[in-house]
Amino acid sequence: MEIVWPASALYFGPAAVLAYRQWGRPQSPRWLRRHRARPRTPRHAATIIETLHCATHCVMGAVVGTLIVFWLSLEISDKRLWPEFIADYVAAVLIGVAFRYFTEVGPGGRRVRAAVRRFFRGDLLSVSVFEFALLGWLAFMEFVVFHETLKPSSPVFWLIVQIGLIIGFFAAWPPTLWLVRSGAKGELGAPR
């Protein structure tokens, strides 16, 4: 979660800081040692935190994928958007598996299999919905609003991505709620 809260602040800004102060900080070991008890949290907090967790895979995937495509000047049909879609999605999935890998306990190959299994069981649906909403927004902005290729060297591009990340968060909320209720994703405060 040390990565989730700063990544959330990249697109939610002050709202992420408030959520961290309300629900994130009271989960930290330092806060728990000082106060000796977990505070009560509303039911929707677990879904918000789990959605932020999956959104972090997508945020990091979007940044990494976009920069790689831009750096390599990759294009399909004279558009940078198509390789960017592929790179963003693949990077989000790989980062999600890496998150799970580093939170798994166990030796070698079993740890890798467990990480992949937990990601596909608990995160793939949310990450996919988030990515499709984000990428749909980017396609809409490029093809309908701007009618030109937006470049990562422009602040307008990153503002559009930031808005797309917020859209992706709200699109991923319902599947994450379903995954939390079905037990496929952990509850708030559960070990990762």
N, C-alpha and C. Protein backbone atom coordinates (compact mmCIF):
# COMPACT_ATOMS: atom_id res chain seq x y z
N MET A 1 0.82 -1.20 0.00
CA MET A 1 0.00 0.00 0.00
C MET A 1 0.86 1.27 0.00
N GLU A 2 2.15 1.13 0.29
CA GLU A 2 3.02 2.30 0.29
C GLU A 2 3.10 2.92 -1.11
N ILE A 3 2.88 2.14 -2.14
CA ILE A 3 2.90 2.65 -3.51
C ILE A 3 1.51 3.14 -3.92
N VAL A 4 0.47 2.51 -3.39
CA VAL A 4 -0.90 2.80 -3.81
C VAL A 4 -1.30 4.24 -3.49
N TRP A 5 -1.02 4.70 -2.29
CA TRP A 5 -1.49 6.04 -1.91
C TRP A 5 -0.83 7.16 -2.73
N PRO A 6 0.50 7.16 -2.91
CA PRO A 6 1.08 8.20 -3.78
C PRO A 6 0.61 8.10 -5.23
N ALA A 7 0.46 6.88 -5.75
CA ALA A 7 -0.03 6.72 -7.13
C ALA A 7 -1.45 7.26 -7.26
N SER A 8 -2.26 7.06 -6.23
CA SER A 8 -3.64 7.57 -6.26
C SER A 8 -3.67 9.09 -6.26
N ALA A 9 -2.70 9.68 -5.57
CA ALA A 9 -2.64 11.15 -5.53
C ALA A 9 -2.29 11.74 -6.89
N LEU A 10 -1.69 10.94 -7.79
CA LEU A 10 -1.34 11.44 -9.12
C LEU A 10 -2.59 11.85 -9.90
N TYR A 11 -3.69 11.16 -9.68
CA TYR A 11 -4.89 11.49 -10.46
C TYR A 11 -6.05 11.97 -9.60
N PHE A 12 -6.09 11.61 -8.32
CA PHE A 12 -7.18 12.08 -7.47
C PHE A 12 -6.78 13.28 -6.60
N GLY A 13 -5.50 13.59 -6.54
CA GLY A 13 -5.03 14.77 -5.82
C GLY A 13 -5.45 14.80 -4.37
N PRO A 14 -6.07 15.92 -3.94
CA PRO A 14 -6.45 16.08 -2.53
C PRO A 14 -7.43 15.01 -2.03
N ALA A 15 -8.27 14.48 -2.91
CA ALA A 15 -9.20 13.43 -2.48
C ALA A 15 -8.43 12.18 -2.03
N ALA A 16 -7.32 11.86 -2.71
CA ALA A 16 -6.51 10.71 -2.31
C ALA A 16 -5.82 10.97 -0.98
N VAL A 17 -5.39 12.21 -0.75
CA VAL A 17 -4.75 12.55 0.53
C VAL A 17 -5.76 12.40 1.67
N LEU A 18 -6.99 12.85 1.44
CA LEU A 18 -8.02 12.71 2.47
C LEU A 18 -8.35 11.23 2.73
N ALA A 19 -8.45 10.45 1.67
CA ALA A 19 -8.71 9.01 1.84
C ALA A 19 -7.58 8.34 2.59
N TYR A 20 -6.35 8.72 2.30
CA TYR A 20 -5.21 8.16 3.02
C TYR A 20 -5.29 8.50 4.50
N ARG A 21 -5.57 9.75 4.82
CA ARG A 21 -5.64 10.16 6.24
C ARG A 21 -6.78 9.43 6.96
N GLN A 22 -7.87 9.20 6.25
CA GLN A 22 -9.04 8.57 6.86
C GLN A 22 -8.88 7.06 6.99
N TRP A 23 -8.39 6.39 5.93
CA TRP A 23 -8.39 4.92 5.92
C TRP A 23 -7.01 4.31 5.79
N GLY A 24 -6.07 4.99 5.15
CA GLY A 24 -4.76 4.40 4.91
C GLY A 24 -3.83 4.51 6.09
N ARG A 25 -3.70 5.69 6.62
CA ARG A 25 -2.79 5.90 7.74
C ARG A 25 -3.15 5.07 8.97
N PRO A 26 -4.44 4.94 9.32
CA PRO A 26 -4.78 4.10 10.47
C PRO A 26 -4.46 2.61 10.28
N GLN A 27 -4.12 2.19 9.07
CA GLN A 27 -3.72 0.80 8.83
C GLN A 27 -2.21 0.60 8.95
N SER A 28 -1.46 1.70 9.09
CA SER A 28 0.00 1.60 9.13
C SER A 28 0.46 1.03 10.47
N PRO A 29 1.55 0.27 10.47
CA PRO A 29 2.06 -0.30 11.72
C PRO A 29 2.37 0.76 12.77
N ARG A 30 2.90 1.89 12.36
CA ARG A 30 3.23 2.95 13.31
C ARG A 30 1.96 3.47 14.00
N TRP A 31 0.91 3.71 13.24
CA TRP A 31 -0.33 4.20 13.80
C TRP A 31 -0.93 3.15 14.74
N LEU A 32 -0.89 1.89 14.33
CA LEU A 32 -1.45 0.81 15.15
C LEU A 32 -0.68 0.64 16.46
N ARG A 33 0.64 0.81 16.43
CA ARG A 33 1.43 0.73 17.68
C ARG A 33 1.04 1.85 18.62
N ARG A 34 0.82 3.02 18.07
CA ARG A 34 0.51 4.18 18.90
C ARG A 34 -0.91 4.11 19.47
N HIS A 35 -1.86 3.64 18.69
CA HIS A 35 -3.27 3.68 19.12
C HIS A 35 -3.82 2.33 19.56
N ARG A 36 -3.11 1.26 19.30
CA ARG A 36 -3.42 -0.09 19.77
C ARG A 36 -4.72 -0.70 19.24
N ALA A 37 -5.43 -0.04 18.37
CA ALA A 37 -6.67 -0.61 17.83
C ALA A 37 -6.94 -0.03 16.45
N ARG A 38 -7.55 -0.84 15.63
CA ARG A 38 -7.95 -0.36 14.31
C ARG A 38 -9.23 0.45 14.45
N PRO A 39 -9.30 1.58 13.75
CA PRO A 39 -10.54 2.36 13.80
C PRO A 39 -11.62 1.69 12.97
N ARG A 40 -12.85 2.02 13.26
CA ARG A 40 -13.96 1.52 12.45
C ARG A 40 -13.92 2.24 11.10
N THR A 41 -14.18 1.46 10.08
CA THR A 41 -14.22 2.03 8.74
C THR A 41 -15.55 1.66 8.10
N PRO A 42 -16.07 2.54 7.27
CA PRO A 42 -17.33 2.22 6.60
C PRO A 42 -17.15 1.07 5.60
N ARG A 43 -18.22 0.40 5.27
CA ARG A 43 -18.17 -0.75 4.36
C ARG A 43 -17.59 -0.39 3.00
N HIS A 44 -17.93 0.78 2.51
CA HIS A 44 -17.45 1.16 1.18
C HIS A 44 -15.95 1.43 1.14
N ALA A 45 -15.32 1.61 2.30
CA ALA A 45 -13.88 1.87 2.34
C ALA A 45 -13.09 0.71 1.76
N ALA A 46 -13.52 -0.53 2.05
CA ALA A 46 -12.80 -1.70 1.52
C ALA A 46 -12.84 -1.71 0.00
N THR A 47 -13.98 -1.39 -0.57
CA THR A 47 -14.09 -1.38 -2.03
C THR A 47 -13.25 -0.25 -2.62
N ILE A 48 -13.28 0.92 -2.00
CA ILE A 48 -12.48 2.04 -2.51
C ILE A 48 -11.00 1.69 -2.47
N ILE A 49 -10.54 1.14 -1.35
CA ILE A 49 -9.12 0.81 -1.22
C ILE A 49 -8.73 -0.28 -2.20
N GLU A 50 -9.56 -1.29 -2.36
CA GLU A 50 -9.25 -2.35 -3.32
C GLU A 50 -9.27 -1.82 -4.75
N THR A 51 -10.16 -0.88 -5.06
CA THR A 51 -10.18 -0.28 -6.40
C THR A 51 -8.93 0.56 -6.60
N LEU A 52 -8.51 1.29 -5.57
CA LEU A 52 -7.27 2.07 -5.67
C LEU A 52 -6.07 1.14 -5.88
N HIS A 53 -6.11 -0.01 -5.24
CA HIS A 53 -5.02 -0.99 -5.39
C HIS A 53 -4.92 -1.44 -6.85
N CYS A 54 -6.04 -1.82 -7.46
CA CYS A 54 -6.02 -2.22 -8.87
C CYS A 54 -5.71 -1.03 -9.78
N ALA A 55 -6.19 0.13 -9.41
CA ALA A 55 -5.93 1.33 -10.21
C ALA A 55 -4.44 1.65 -10.24
N THR A 56 -3.73 1.32 -9.18
CA THR A 56 -2.29 1.57 -9.16
C THR A 56 -1.57 0.76 -10.23
N HIS A 57 -2.01 -0.48 -10.46
CA HIS A 57 -1.43 -1.27 -11.55
C HIS A 57 -1.62 -0.52 -12.86
N CYS A 58 -2.81 0.02 -13.06
CA CYS A 58 -3.14 0.70 -14.31
C CYS A 58 -2.40 2.03 -14.44
N VAL A 59 -2.28 2.77 -13.35
CA VAL A 59 -1.56 4.04 -13.38
C VAL A 59 -0.10 3.80 -13.76
N MET A 60 0.52 2.85 -13.08
CA MET A 60 1.92 2.55 -13.38
C MET A 60 2.06 1.97 -14.78
N GLY A 61 1.11 1.13 -15.19
CA GLY A 61 1.13 0.57 -16.54
C GLY A 61 0.99 1.65 -17.60
N ALA A 62 0.12 2.62 -17.35
CA ALA A 62 -0.07 3.71 -18.31
C ALA A 62 1.19 4.56 -18.45
N VAL A 63 1.80 4.87 -17.33
CA VAL A 63 3.02 5.68 -17.38
C VAL A 63 4.15 4.92 -18.07
N VAL A 64 4.39 3.68 -17.64
CA VAL A 64 5.48 2.88 -18.21
C VAL A 64 5.21 2.57 -19.68
N GLY A 65 4.01 2.08 -20.00
CA GLY A 65 3.67 1.72 -21.37
C GLY A 65 3.74 2.90 -22.32
N THR A 66 3.19 4.03 -21.89
CA THR A 66 3.19 5.23 -22.73
C THR A 66 4.61 5.71 -23.00
N LEU A 67 5.43 5.74 -21.97
CA LEU A 67 6.80 6.22 -22.16
C LEU A 67 7.63 5.28 -23.04
N ILE A 68 7.42 3.97 -22.91
CA ILE A 68 8.14 3.02 -23.76
C ILE A 68 7.74 3.19 -25.22
N VAL A 69 6.44 3.30 -25.47
CA VAL A 69 5.96 3.47 -26.85
C VAL A 69 6.47 4.79 -27.43
N PHE A 70 6.44 5.85 -26.64
CA PHE A 70 6.92 7.15 -27.10
C PHE A 70 8.42 7.10 -27.36
N TRP A 71 9.18 6.48 -26.45
CA TRP A 71 10.63 6.40 -26.58
C TRP A 71 11.04 5.60 -27.81
N LEU A 72 10.32 4.50 -28.07
CA LEU A 72 10.65 3.65 -29.21
C LEU A 72 9.98 4.12 -30.51
N SER A 73 9.14 5.13 -30.42
CA SER A 73 8.40 5.66 -31.58
C SER A 73 7.62 4.57 -32.31
N LEU A 74 6.92 3.74 -31.55
CA LEU A 74 6.14 2.65 -32.12
C LEU A 74 4.83 3.19 -32.70
N GLU A 75 4.45 2.65 -33.84
CA GLU A 75 3.19 3.05 -34.47
C GLU A 75 2.59 1.86 -35.20
N ILE A 76 1.27 1.82 -35.25
CA ILE A 76 0.52 0.87 -36.06
C ILE A 76 -0.48 1.69 -36.85
N SER A 77 -0.46 1.56 -38.17
CA SER A 77 -1.34 2.35 -39.06
C SER A 77 -1.16 3.85 -38.82
N ASP A 78 0.06 4.27 -38.69
CA ASP A 78 0.41 5.68 -38.47
C ASP A 78 -0.19 6.26 -37.19
N LYS A 79 -0.50 5.43 -36.23
CA LYS A 79 -1.04 5.89 -34.95
C LYS A 79 -0.22 5.31 -33.81
N ARG A 80 0.14 6.15 -32.89
CA ARG A 80 0.85 5.71 -31.70
C ARG A 80 -0.12 5.13 -30.67
N LEU A 81 -1.40 5.41 -30.85
CA LEU A 81 -2.42 4.99 -29.89
C LEU A 81 -2.53 3.47 -29.77
N TRP A 82 -2.46 2.73 -30.89
CA TRP A 82 -2.65 1.28 -30.84
C TRP A 82 -1.53 0.57 -30.08
N PRO A 83 -0.26 0.85 -30.33
CA PRO A 83 0.77 0.21 -29.51
C PRO A 83 0.71 0.68 -28.06
N GLU A 84 0.25 1.90 -27.87
CA GLU A 84 0.11 2.40 -26.50
C GLU A 84 -0.95 1.60 -25.74
N PHE A 85 -2.06 1.29 -26.40
CA PHE A 85 -3.10 0.47 -25.77
C PHE A 85 -2.52 -0.87 -25.32
N ILE A 86 -1.81 -1.50 -26.24
CA ILE A 86 -1.24 -2.82 -25.94
C ILE A 86 -0.22 -2.71 -24.80
N ALA A 87 0.68 -1.75 -24.90
CA ALA A 87 1.73 -1.59 -23.89
C ALA A 87 1.14 -1.24 -22.52
N ASP A 88 0.14 -0.36 -22.48
CA ASP A 88 -0.48 0.02 -21.21
C ASP A 88 -1.12 -1.18 -20.54
N TYR A 89 -1.88 -1.96 -21.31
CA TYR A 89 -2.58 -3.11 -20.74
C TYR A 89 -1.61 -4.18 -20.27
N VAL A 90 -0.63 -4.51 -21.12
CA VAL A 90 0.34 -5.54 -20.74
C VAL A 90 1.15 -5.10 -19.53
N ALA A 91 1.57 -3.83 -19.50
CA ALA A 91 2.32 -3.32 -18.35
C ALA A 91 1.47 -3.36 -17.08
N ALA A 92 0.19 -3.01 -17.17
CA ALA A 92 -0.69 -3.05 -15.99
C ALA A 92 -0.81 -4.48 -15.46
N VAL A 93 -0.96 -5.46 -16.35
CA VAL A 93 -1.07 -6.85 -15.92
C VAL A 93 0.25 -7.32 -15.30
N LEU A 94 1.37 -7.02 -15.93
CA LEU A 94 2.67 -7.44 -15.39
C LEU A 94 2.95 -6.79 -14.04
N ILE A 95 2.60 -5.53 -13.89
CA ILE A 95 2.80 -4.84 -12.61
C ILE A 95 1.87 -5.44 -11.56
N GLY A 96 0.65 -5.79 -11.94
CA GLY A 96 -0.27 -6.43 -10.99
C GLY A 96 0.26 -7.77 -10.51
N VAL A 97 0.81 -8.56 -11.43
CA VAL A 97 1.40 -9.85 -11.03
C VAL A 97 2.61 -9.60 -10.13
N ALA A 98 3.41 -8.59 -10.46
CA ALA A 98 4.58 -8.27 -9.62
C ALA A 98 4.14 -7.85 -8.21
N PHE A 99 3.08 -7.05 -8.11
CA PHE A 99 2.56 -6.68 -6.80
C PHE A 99 2.21 -7.93 -6.00
N ARG A 100 1.49 -8.83 -6.64
CA ARG A 100 1.10 -10.08 -5.96
C ARG A 100 2.32 -10.92 -5.61
N TYR A 101 3.30 -10.98 -6.50
CA TYR A 101 4.50 -11.78 -6.26
C TYR A 101 5.22 -11.31 -5.00
N PHE A 102 5.38 -10.00 -4.85
CA PHE A 102 6.13 -9.48 -3.71
C PHE A 102 5.35 -9.53 -2.41
N THR A 103 4.06 -9.84 -2.47
CA THR A 103 3.29 -9.99 -1.23
C THR A 103 3.03 -11.45 -0.90
N GLU A 104 3.43 -12.36 -1.77
CA GLU A 104 3.25 -13.80 -1.53
C GLU A 104 4.35 -14.33 -0.64
N VAL A 105 4.02 -15.36 0.10
CA VAL A 105 5.00 -16.04 0.93
C VAL A 105 5.24 -17.40 0.32
N GLY A 106 6.46 -17.81 0.25
CA GLY A 106 6.76 -19.13 -0.29
C GLY A 106 7.99 -19.09 -1.15
N PRO A 107 8.55 -20.25 -1.42
CA PRO A 107 9.77 -20.31 -2.22
C PRO A 107 9.50 -20.36 -3.72
N GLY A 108 10.41 -19.80 -4.48
CA GLY A 108 10.53 -19.93 -5.92
C GLY A 108 9.27 -20.05 -6.76
N GLY A 109 9.17 -21.20 -7.48
CA GLY A 109 8.10 -21.41 -8.44
C GLY A 109 6.71 -21.39 -7.85
N ARG A 110 6.56 -21.90 -6.63
CA ARG A 110 5.22 -21.86 -6.00
C ARG A 110 4.78 -20.44 -5.76
N ARG A 111 5.71 -19.58 -5.43
CA ARG A 111 5.40 -18.18 -5.18
C ARG A 111 4.93 -17.50 -6.47
N VAL A 112 5.59 -17.81 -7.58
CA VAL A 112 5.20 -17.24 -8.88
C VAL A 112 3.81 -17.73 -9.26
N ARG A 113 3.57 -19.03 -9.14
CA ARG A 113 2.25 -19.57 -9.49
C ARG A 113 1.16 -18.97 -8.61
N ALA A 114 1.45 -18.84 -7.32
CA ALA A 114 0.46 -18.27 -6.41
C ALA A 114 0.17 -16.81 -6.76
N ALA A 115 1.20 -16.06 -7.12
CA ALA A 115 1.00 -14.65 -7.49
C ALA A 115 0.15 -14.53 -8.75
N VAL A 116 0.46 -15.33 -9.75
CA VAL A 116 -0.31 -15.30 -10.99
C VAL A 116 -1.75 -15.71 -10.73
N ARG A 117 -1.95 -16.77 -9.96
CA ARG A 117 -3.29 -17.26 -9.64
C ARG A 117 -4.09 -16.19 -8.87
N ARG A 118 -3.48 -15.57 -7.87
CA ARG A 118 -4.19 -14.54 -7.10
C ARG A 118 -4.51 -13.32 -7.96
N PHE A 119 -3.60 -12.95 -8.85
CA PHE A 119 -3.87 -11.81 -9.71
C PHE A 119 -5.04 -12.11 -10.64
N PHE A 120 -5.00 -13.26 -11.30
CA PHE A 120 -6.07 -13.60 -12.25
C PHE A 120 -7.40 -13.80 -11.53
N ARG A 121 -7.37 -14.30 -10.31
CA ARG A 121 -8.61 -14.52 -9.56
C ARG A 121 -9.18 -13.22 -9.01
N GLY A 122 -8.31 -12.35 -8.51
CA GLY A 122 -8.81 -11.19 -7.77
C GLY A 122 -8.62 -9.83 -8.42
N ASP A 123 -7.77 -9.73 -9.45
CA ASP A 123 -7.46 -8.41 -9.98
C ASP A 123 -7.71 -8.23 -11.48
N LEU A 124 -7.64 -9.29 -12.23
CA LEU A 124 -7.70 -9.17 -13.69
C LEU A 124 -8.97 -8.47 -14.18
N LEU A 125 -10.11 -8.82 -13.61
CA LEU A 125 -11.37 -8.20 -14.03
C LEU A 125 -11.35 -6.69 -13.79
N SER A 126 -10.96 -6.27 -12.59
CA SER A 126 -10.92 -4.84 -12.28
C SER A 126 -9.91 -4.10 -13.14
N VAL A 127 -8.74 -4.69 -13.31
CA VAL A 127 -7.71 -4.06 -14.14
C VAL A 127 -8.19 -3.94 -15.58
N SER A 128 -8.83 -4.98 -16.09
CA SER A 128 -9.32 -4.95 -17.48
C SER A 128 -10.38 -3.88 -17.67
N VAL A 129 -11.35 -3.81 -16.77
CA VAL A 129 -12.40 -2.79 -16.87
C VAL A 129 -11.79 -1.40 -16.78
N PHE A 130 -10.88 -1.21 -15.83
CA PHE A 130 -10.21 0.08 -15.67
C PHE A 130 -9.50 0.46 -16.96
N GLU A 131 -8.70 -0.46 -17.49
CA GLU A 131 -7.93 -0.18 -18.70
C GLU A 131 -8.83 0.12 -19.90
N PHE A 132 -9.89 -0.64 -20.07
CA PHE A 132 -10.78 -0.41 -21.21
C PHE A 132 -11.46 0.95 -21.10
N ALA A 133 -11.83 1.36 -19.89
CA ALA A 133 -12.42 2.70 -19.71
C ALA A 133 -11.39 3.78 -20.01
N LEU A 134 -10.18 3.62 -19.48
CA LEU A 134 -9.12 4.60 -19.73
C LEU A 134 -8.78 4.68 -21.22
N LEU A 135 -8.59 3.54 -21.84
CA LEU A 135 -8.20 3.52 -23.24
C LEU A 135 -9.33 4.00 -24.15
N GLY A 136 -10.57 3.69 -23.79
CA GLY A 136 -11.71 4.22 -24.54
C GLY A 136 -11.76 5.74 -24.48
N TRP A 137 -11.48 6.29 -23.30
CA TRP A 137 -11.44 7.74 -23.13
C TRP A 137 -10.33 8.35 -24.00
N LEU A 138 -9.15 7.72 -23.98
CA LEU A 138 -8.04 8.24 -24.79
C LEU A 138 -8.37 8.19 -26.28
N ALA A 139 -9.00 7.10 -26.72
CA ALA A 139 -9.39 6.99 -28.12
C ALA A 139 -10.41 8.06 -28.48
N PHE A 140 -11.41 8.28 -27.62
CA PHE A 140 -12.41 9.31 -27.86
C PHE A 140 -11.76 10.68 -27.99
N MET A 141 -10.84 10.98 -27.09
CA MET A 141 -10.19 12.29 -27.13
C MET A 141 -9.34 12.46 -28.39
N GLU A 142 -8.65 11.39 -28.80
CA GLU A 142 -7.78 11.51 -29.97
C GLU A 142 -8.57 11.56 -31.27
N PHE A 143 -9.60 10.71 -31.40
CA PHE A 143 -10.31 10.61 -32.67
C PHE A 143 -11.46 11.61 -32.82
N VAL A 144 -12.13 11.96 -31.73
CA VAL A 144 -13.31 12.80 -31.81
C VAL A 144 -13.02 14.25 -31.43
N VAL A 145 -12.27 14.46 -30.36
CA VAL A 145 -12.08 15.82 -29.87
C VAL A 145 -10.90 16.52 -30.54
N PHE A 146 -9.73 15.88 -30.53
CA PHE A 146 -8.53 16.55 -31.03
C PHE A 146 -8.22 16.25 -32.50
N HIS A 147 -8.65 15.12 -33.02
CA HIS A 147 -8.40 14.73 -34.41
C HIS A 147 -6.90 14.71 -34.76
N GLU A 148 -6.07 14.46 -33.78
CA GLU A 148 -4.63 14.35 -34.02
C GLU A 148 -4.01 13.49 -32.92
N THR A 149 -2.80 13.06 -33.16
CA THR A 149 -2.11 12.24 -32.17
C THR A 149 -1.63 13.11 -31.02
N LEU A 150 -2.04 12.74 -29.83
CA LEU A 150 -1.59 13.46 -28.64
C LEU A 150 -0.26 12.85 -28.20
N LYS A 151 0.68 13.68 -27.82
CA LYS A 151 2.02 13.21 -27.48
C LYS A 151 2.28 13.35 -25.99
N PRO A 152 2.98 12.37 -25.42
CA PRO A 152 3.31 12.43 -23.99
C PRO A 152 4.19 13.61 -23.61
N SER A 153 4.74 14.30 -24.57
CA SER A 153 5.55 15.49 -24.26
C SER A 153 4.68 16.71 -23.99
N SER A 154 3.38 16.56 -24.13
CA SER A 154 2.45 17.68 -23.93
C SER A 154 1.73 17.56 -22.58
N PRO A 155 1.61 18.65 -21.84
CA PRO A 155 0.85 18.60 -20.59
C PRO A 155 -0.63 18.28 -20.81
N VAL A 156 -1.15 18.64 -21.99
CA VAL A 156 -2.55 18.33 -22.31
C VAL A 156 -2.76 16.81 -22.33
N PHE A 157 -1.79 16.08 -22.87
CA PHE A 157 -1.87 14.63 -22.91
C PHE A 157 -2.01 14.08 -21.49
N TRP A 158 -1.18 14.55 -20.57
CA TRP A 158 -1.21 14.02 -19.21
C TRP A 158 -2.46 14.45 -18.45
N LEU A 159 -3.01 15.61 -18.76
CA LEU A 159 -4.29 16.00 -18.18
C LEU A 159 -5.39 15.07 -18.66
N ILE A 160 -5.38 14.74 -19.93
CA ILE A 160 -6.37 13.82 -20.49
C ILE A 160 -6.21 12.43 -19.86
N VAL A 161 -4.97 12.00 -19.69
CA VAL A 161 -4.72 10.71 -19.02
C VAL A 161 -5.24 10.76 -17.59
N GLN A 162 -5.00 11.85 -16.89
CA GLN A 162 -5.47 11.98 -15.51
C GLN A 162 -6.99 11.87 -15.44
N ILE A 163 -7.69 12.51 -16.32
CA ILE A 163 -9.15 12.41 -16.36
C ILE A 163 -9.56 10.97 -16.69
N GLY A 164 -8.84 10.34 -17.62
CA GLY A 164 -9.11 8.95 -17.97
C GLY A 164 -8.89 8.00 -16.80
N LEU A 165 -7.90 8.29 -15.96
CA LEU A 165 -7.65 7.46 -14.77
C LEU A 165 -8.82 7.57 -13.79
N ILE A 166 -9.37 8.75 -13.65
CA ILE A 166 -10.53 8.92 -12.77
C ILE A 166 -11.73 8.17 -13.35
N ILE A 167 -11.94 8.26 -14.66
CA ILE A 167 -13.02 7.51 -15.31
C ILE A 167 -12.80 6.02 -15.11
N GLY A 168 -11.57 5.56 -15.29
CA GLY A 168 -11.25 4.15 -15.08
C GLY A 168 -11.52 3.69 -13.67
N PHE A 169 -11.20 4.53 -12.69
CA PHE A 169 -11.47 4.18 -11.29
C PHE A 169 -12.96 3.93 -11.07
N PHE A 170 -13.79 4.84 -11.55
CA PHE A 170 -15.23 4.67 -11.34
C PHE A 170 -15.81 3.52 -12.16
N ALA A 171 -15.20 3.23 -13.30
CA ALA A 171 -15.64 2.07 -14.09
C ALA A 171 -15.26 0.77 -13.40
N ALA A 172 -14.11 0.75 -12.72
CA ALA A 172 -13.63 -0.47 -12.06
C ALA A 172 -14.28 -0.70 -10.70
N TRP A 173 -14.97 0.29 -10.18
CA TRP A 173 -15.58 0.15 -8.86
C TRP A 173 -16.60 -0.98 -8.79
N PRO A 174 -17.59 -1.07 -9.72
CA PRO A 174 -18.58 -2.15 -9.62
C PRO A 174 -17.98 -3.56 -9.68
N PRO A 175 -17.05 -3.84 -10.61
CA PRO A 175 -16.48 -5.20 -10.58
C PRO A 175 -15.66 -5.46 -9.32
N THR A 176 -15.01 -4.43 -8.80
CA THR A 176 -14.25 -4.61 -7.56
C THR A 176 -15.19 -4.88 -6.40
N LEU A 177 -16.30 -4.18 -6.35
CA LEU A 177 -17.31 -4.45 -5.31
C LEU A 177 -17.77 -5.89 -5.39
N TRP A 178 -18.05 -6.36 -6.59
CA TRP A 178 -18.47 -7.75 -6.77
C TRP A 178 -17.38 -8.71 -6.31
N LEU A 179 -16.12 -8.42 -6.66
CA LEU A 179 -15.01 -9.29 -6.27
C LEU A 179 -14.80 -9.30 -4.75
N VAL A 180 -14.97 -8.15 -4.11
CA VAL A 180 -14.86 -8.09 -2.64
C VAL A 180 -15.98 -8.89 -2.00
N ARG A 181 -17.20 -8.70 -2.48
CA ARG A 181 -18.34 -9.42 -1.90
C ARG A 181 -18.27 -10.92 -2.14
N SER A 182 -17.71 -11.32 -3.28
CA SER A 182 -17.60 -12.75 -3.57
C SER A 182 -16.42 -13.41 -2.87
N GLY A 183 -15.56 -12.61 -2.25
CA GLY A 183 -14.41 -13.15 -1.53
C GLY A 183 -13.17 -13.33 -2.38
N ALA A 184 -13.22 -12.94 -3.64
CA ALA A 184 -12.05 -13.08 -4.51
C ALA A 184 -10.96 -12.06 -4.18
N LYS A 185 -11.35 -10.93 -3.60
CA LYS A 185 -10.39 -9.90 -3.17
C LYS A 185 -10.45 -9.79 -1.66
N GLY A 186 -9.33 -9.41 -1.06
CA GLY A 186 -9.24 -9.28 0.40
C GLY A 186 -10.03 -8.10 0.92
N GLU A 187 -10.39 -8.21 2.16
CA GLU A 187 -11.08 -7.12 2.84
C GLU A 187 -10.06 -6.12 3.38
N LEU A 188 -10.54 -4.94 3.77
CA LEU A 188 -9.72 -3.89 4.33
C LEU A 188 -8.96 -4.41 5.55
N GLY A 189 -7.66 -4.18 5.55
CA GLY A 189 -6.85 -4.59 6.67
C GLY A 189 -6.38 -6.01 6.61
N ALA A 190 -6.86 -6.78 5.61
CA ALA A 190 -6.41 -8.16 5.48
C ALA A 190 -4.99 -8.15 4.94
N PRO A 191 -4.19 -9.09 5.33
CA PRO A 191 -2.83 -9.11 4.85
C PRO A 191 -2.78 -9.33 3.34
N ARG A 192 -1.85 -8.69 2.67
CA ARG A 192 -1.69 -8.79 1.22
C ARG A 192 -0.61 -9.78 0.92
